[in-house]
Amino acid sequence: MCITRELLAKFYGDSAFFAMRTLIHYRVLATFGKPFDYFLVEEPWRAYEVLEKTVGRHNAELFLRLLTDWLRKNGCNATPEEVNRALSDRSAWRR
């Protein structure tokens, strides 16, 4: 799997993603007491769950699509299914 915590953090910090990042940041902080980038770096397998609970399924799916496209443009040809698994299944991070 070419998806890394570093790539997730780089995507989340991308300036083109600012408006959605702001929404996600404040909703996740209010709900979980931690910023979303914490989950991307420390517990990436919970990221989809956190998104779904804070910004809804539609926005969580939008995040997955944006991330998949961004990864592809940055040399990681992960499928949407692989991205979803990385953000929702802890076993995807065990090696």
N, C-alpha and C. Protein backbone atom coordinates (compact mmCIF):
# COMPACT_ATOMS: atom_id res chain seq x y z
N MET A 1 0.85 -1.18 0.00
CA MET A 1 0.00 0.00 0.00
C MET A 1 0.89 1.24 0.00
N CYS A 2 0.64 2.14 -0.90
CA CYS A 2 1.45 3.34 -1.01
C CYS A 2 0.93 4.49 -0.15
N ILE A 3 -0.20 4.30 0.52
CA ILE A 3 -0.75 5.35 1.38
C ILE A 3 0.03 5.35 2.69
N THR A 4 0.57 6.50 3.03
CA THR A 4 1.33 6.64 4.27
C THR A 4 0.72 7.74 5.12
N ARG A 5 1.07 7.75 6.38
CA ARG A 5 0.62 8.80 7.28
C ARG A 5 1.13 10.16 6.80
N GLU A 6 2.33 10.16 6.27
CA GLU A 6 2.92 11.40 5.77
C GLU A 6 2.13 11.96 4.58
N LEU A 7 1.74 11.07 3.67
CA LEU A 7 0.92 11.52 2.53
C LEU A 7 -0.43 12.03 2.99
N LEU A 8 -1.04 11.37 3.97
CA LEU A 8 -2.31 11.83 4.49
C LEU A 8 -2.18 13.23 5.09
N ALA A 9 -1.12 13.45 5.86
CA ALA A 9 -0.89 14.76 6.47
C ALA A 9 -0.62 15.82 5.40
N LYS A 10 0.13 15.45 4.38
CA LYS A 10 0.43 16.40 3.30
C LYS A 10 -0.85 16.78 2.55
N PHE A 11 -1.70 15.80 2.26
CA PHE A 11 -2.97 16.08 1.60
C PHE A 11 -3.82 17.01 2.46
N TYR A 12 -3.92 16.72 3.74
CA TYR A 12 -4.77 17.51 4.63
C TYR A 12 -4.27 18.94 4.75
N GLY A 13 -2.99 19.14 4.61
CA GLY A 13 -2.41 20.48 4.68
C GLY A 13 -2.41 21.23 3.36
N ASP A 14 -2.84 20.58 2.29
CA ASP A 14 -2.85 21.20 0.96
C ASP A 14 -3.75 22.43 0.95
N SER A 15 -3.24 23.54 0.48
CA SER A 15 -3.99 24.80 0.51
C SER A 15 -5.23 24.78 -0.38
N ALA A 16 -5.27 23.94 -1.40
CA ALA A 16 -6.43 23.85 -2.28
C ALA A 16 -7.62 23.22 -1.54
N PHE A 17 -7.37 22.64 -0.43
CA PHE A 17 -8.34 21.90 0.36
C PHE A 17 -8.81 22.72 1.57
N PHE A 18 -8.48 24.02 1.61
CA PHE A 18 -8.66 24.85 2.80
C PHE A 18 -10.09 24.91 3.32
N ALA A 19 -11.08 25.15 2.47
CA ALA A 19 -12.46 25.31 2.93
C ALA A 19 -12.98 24.05 3.62
N MET A 20 -12.78 22.90 3.00
CA MET A 20 -13.25 21.66 3.61
C MET A 20 -12.46 21.33 4.87
N ARG A 21 -11.17 21.60 4.85
CA ARG A 21 -10.32 21.35 6.01
C ARG A 21 -10.79 22.16 7.21
N THR A 22 -11.19 23.40 6.99
CA THR A 22 -11.68 24.26 8.07
C THR A 22 -12.94 23.67 8.69
N LEU A 23 -13.89 23.26 7.86
CA LEU A 23 -15.12 22.63 8.34
C LEU A 23 -14.80 21.38 9.15
N ILE A 24 -13.99 20.52 8.58
CA ILE A 24 -13.62 19.27 9.25
C ILE A 24 -12.93 19.54 10.58
N HIS A 25 -11.97 20.45 10.57
CA HIS A 25 -11.19 20.75 11.78
C HIS A 25 -12.10 21.12 12.96
N TYR A 26 -12.97 22.08 12.75
CA TYR A 26 -13.80 22.55 13.85
C TYR A 26 -14.85 21.54 14.28
N ARG A 27 -15.42 20.81 13.36
CA ARG A 27 -16.41 19.79 13.73
C ARG A 27 -15.77 18.64 14.50
N VAL A 28 -14.60 18.19 14.03
CA VAL A 28 -13.91 17.09 14.72
C VAL A 28 -13.42 17.54 16.09
N LEU A 29 -12.87 18.72 16.16
CA LEU A 29 -12.39 19.25 17.44
C LEU A 29 -13.53 19.35 18.44
N ALA A 30 -14.68 19.84 18.00
CA ALA A 30 -15.84 19.97 18.89
C ALA A 30 -16.37 18.61 19.35
N THR A 31 -16.33 17.62 18.47
CA THR A 31 -16.90 16.31 18.77
C THR A 31 -15.94 15.41 19.53
N PHE A 32 -14.66 15.39 19.12
CA PHE A 32 -13.70 14.44 19.69
C PHE A 32 -12.65 15.08 20.58
N GLY A 33 -12.59 16.41 20.60
CA GLY A 33 -11.60 17.09 21.44
C GLY A 33 -10.18 17.04 20.89
N LYS A 34 -10.04 16.56 19.67
CA LYS A 34 -8.74 16.47 19.01
C LYS A 34 -8.93 16.94 17.57
N PRO A 35 -7.91 17.54 16.98
CA PRO A 35 -8.04 17.94 15.57
C PRO A 35 -7.99 16.71 14.66
N PHE A 36 -8.57 16.86 13.47
CA PHE A 36 -8.62 15.74 12.54
C PHE A 36 -7.24 15.24 12.13
N ASP A 37 -6.26 16.14 12.03
CA ASP A 37 -4.93 15.67 11.63
C ASP A 37 -4.34 14.69 12.66
N TYR A 38 -4.79 14.76 13.90
CA TYR A 38 -4.38 13.76 14.89
C TYR A 38 -4.78 12.37 14.41
N PHE A 39 -6.03 12.24 13.97
CA PHE A 39 -6.51 10.93 13.53
C PHE A 39 -5.80 10.47 12.25
N LEU A 40 -5.52 11.39 11.34
CA LEU A 40 -4.81 11.01 10.11
C LEU A 40 -3.42 10.47 10.39
N VAL A 41 -2.75 11.02 11.38
CA VAL A 41 -1.37 10.63 11.67
C VAL A 41 -1.30 9.51 12.71
N GLU A 42 -2.08 9.63 13.78
CA GLU A 42 -1.98 8.66 14.88
C GLU A 42 -2.93 7.47 14.75
N GLU A 43 -4.10 7.67 14.21
CA GLU A 43 -5.10 6.60 14.08
C GLU A 43 -5.80 6.70 12.72
N PRO A 44 -5.04 6.55 11.62
CA PRO A 44 -5.64 6.75 10.29
C PRO A 44 -6.80 5.80 10.00
N TRP A 45 -6.83 4.65 10.62
CA TRP A 45 -7.90 3.67 10.40
C TRP A 45 -9.24 4.15 10.99
N ARG A 46 -9.24 5.23 11.78
CA ARG A 46 -10.48 5.79 12.33
C ARG A 46 -10.94 7.01 11.56
N ALA A 47 -10.18 7.46 10.59
CA ALA A 47 -10.46 8.72 9.91
C ALA A 47 -11.84 8.74 9.26
N TYR A 48 -12.21 7.68 8.57
CA TYR A 48 -13.52 7.67 7.91
C TYR A 48 -14.65 7.74 8.94
N GLU A 49 -14.54 6.96 9.98
CA GLU A 49 -15.54 6.96 11.05
C GLU A 49 -15.69 8.37 11.64
N VAL A 50 -14.58 9.01 11.91
CA VAL A 50 -14.58 10.36 12.48
C VAL A 50 -15.25 11.34 11.50
N LEU A 51 -14.88 11.24 10.23
CA LEU A 51 -15.50 12.11 9.23
C LEU A 51 -17.01 11.89 9.15
N GLU A 52 -17.40 10.64 9.09
CA GLU A 52 -18.82 10.32 8.94
C GLU A 52 -19.63 10.85 10.12
N LYS A 53 -19.08 10.74 11.32
CA LYS A 53 -19.80 11.20 12.51
C LYS A 53 -19.85 12.72 12.62
N THR A 54 -18.88 13.41 12.04
CA THR A 54 -18.82 14.85 12.23
C THR A 54 -19.32 15.67 11.05
N VAL A 55 -19.12 15.18 9.83
CA VAL A 55 -19.55 15.96 8.65
C VAL A 55 -20.51 15.19 7.76
N GLY A 56 -20.88 13.98 8.16
CA GLY A 56 -21.85 13.19 7.41
C GLY A 56 -21.22 12.31 6.35
N ARG A 57 -22.00 11.32 5.94
CA ARG A 57 -21.52 10.33 4.97
C ARG A 57 -21.16 10.97 3.62
N HIS A 58 -21.99 11.88 3.15
CA HIS A 58 -21.72 12.52 1.85
C HIS A 58 -20.36 13.22 1.85
N ASN A 59 -20.09 14.01 2.88
CA ASN A 59 -18.80 14.71 2.94
C ASN A 59 -17.63 13.75 3.20
N ALA A 60 -17.89 12.67 3.93
CA ALA A 60 -16.84 11.67 4.13
C ALA A 60 -16.48 11.02 2.79
N GLU A 61 -17.50 10.73 1.98
CA GLU A 61 -17.26 10.15 0.65
C GLU A 61 -16.55 11.16 -0.26
N LEU A 62 -16.94 12.42 -0.17
CA LEU A 62 -16.26 13.46 -0.94
C LEU A 62 -14.79 13.54 -0.55
N PHE A 63 -14.50 13.48 0.74
CA PHE A 63 -13.12 13.48 1.23
C PHE A 63 -12.35 12.32 0.62
N LEU A 64 -12.95 11.12 0.61
CA LEU A 64 -12.29 9.95 0.03
C LEU A 64 -11.97 10.16 -1.45
N ARG A 65 -12.91 10.72 -2.19
CA ARG A 65 -12.69 10.96 -3.63
C ARG A 65 -11.60 11.99 -3.85
N LEU A 66 -11.63 13.07 -3.09
CA LEU A 66 -10.59 14.10 -3.22
C LEU A 66 -9.22 13.52 -2.86
N LEU A 67 -9.16 12.74 -1.80
CA LEU A 67 -7.90 12.12 -1.40
C LEU A 67 -7.41 11.14 -2.46
N THR A 68 -8.30 10.32 -3.01
CA THR A 68 -7.92 9.36 -4.04
C THR A 68 -7.33 10.08 -5.26
N ASP A 69 -7.99 11.14 -5.69
CA ASP A 69 -7.48 11.92 -6.83
C ASP A 69 -6.14 12.56 -6.51
N TRP A 70 -6.01 13.12 -5.32
CA TRP A 70 -4.76 13.77 -4.92
C TRP A 70 -3.62 12.74 -4.85
N LEU A 71 -3.89 11.59 -4.28
CA LEU A 71 -2.88 10.54 -4.20
C LEU A 71 -2.41 10.13 -5.59
N ARG A 72 -3.35 9.97 -6.50
CA ARG A 72 -3.01 9.59 -7.87
C ARG A 72 -2.09 10.64 -8.51
N LYS A 73 -2.40 11.91 -8.30
CA LYS A 73 -1.58 12.99 -8.85
C LYS A 73 -0.20 13.05 -8.21
N ASN A 74 -0.06 12.44 -7.03
CA ASN A 74 1.20 12.46 -6.31
C ASN A 74 1.89 11.10 -6.30
N GLY A 75 1.57 10.26 -7.29
CA GLY A 75 2.30 9.02 -7.50
C GLY A 75 1.81 7.80 -6.77
N CYS A 76 0.70 7.88 -6.08
CA CYS A 76 0.15 6.73 -5.37
C CYS A 76 -1.16 6.35 -6.06
N ASN A 77 -1.15 5.30 -6.84
CA ASN A 77 -2.32 4.90 -7.61
C ASN A 77 -3.24 3.97 -6.84
N ALA A 78 -3.62 4.39 -5.64
CA ALA A 78 -4.54 3.60 -4.81
C ALA A 78 -5.94 3.71 -5.38
N THR A 79 -6.67 2.63 -5.33
CA THR A 79 -8.06 2.64 -5.76
C THR A 79 -8.91 3.27 -4.66
N PRO A 80 -10.13 3.71 -4.99
CA PRO A 80 -11.02 4.23 -3.95
C PRO A 80 -11.26 3.20 -2.83
N GLU A 81 -11.32 1.94 -3.18
CA GLU A 81 -11.51 0.89 -2.18
C GLU A 81 -10.32 0.79 -1.24
N GLU A 82 -9.10 0.92 -1.78
CA GLU A 82 -7.90 0.88 -0.95
C GLU A 82 -7.83 2.09 -0.02
N VAL A 83 -8.22 3.24 -0.53
CA VAL A 83 -8.23 4.45 0.30
C VAL A 83 -9.26 4.29 1.41
N ASN A 84 -10.43 3.79 1.07
CA ASN A 84 -11.47 3.57 2.07
C ASN A 84 -10.97 2.60 3.14
N ARG A 85 -10.34 1.54 2.72
CA ARG A 85 -9.82 0.56 3.68
C ARG A 85 -8.75 1.17 4.59
N ALA A 86 -7.88 1.99 4.02
CA ALA A 86 -6.84 2.63 4.82
C ALA A 86 -7.43 3.56 5.87
N LEU A 87 -8.57 4.16 5.56
CA LEU A 87 -9.18 5.11 6.49
C LEU A 87 -10.26 4.49 7.38
N SER A 88 -10.42 3.16 7.28
CA SER A 88 -11.47 2.55 8.09
C SER A 88 -11.13 1.18 8.67
N ASP A 89 -9.97 0.64 8.35
CA ASP A 89 -9.63 -0.71 8.80
C ASP A 89 -8.22 -0.73 9.40
N ARG A 90 -8.15 -0.97 10.70
CA ARG A 90 -6.86 -0.95 11.39
C ARG A 90 -5.86 -1.95 10.80
N SER A 91 -6.36 -3.08 10.34
CA SER A 91 -5.45 -4.10 9.80
C SER A 91 -4.72 -3.62 8.54
N ALA A 92 -5.24 -2.60 7.89
CA ALA A 92 -4.56 -2.06 6.71
C ALA A 92 -3.22 -1.42 7.07
N TRP A 93 -3.03 -1.11 8.34
CA TRP A 93 -1.81 -0.42 8.80
C TRP A 93 -0.83 -1.36 9.50
N ARG A 94 -1.19 -2.62 9.62
CA ARG A 94 -0.27 -3.59 10.26
C ARG A 94 0.56 -4.23 9.19
N ARG A 95 1.82 -4.35 9.46
CA ARG A 95 2.73 -5.00 8.49
C ARG A 95 3.58 -6.01 9.16
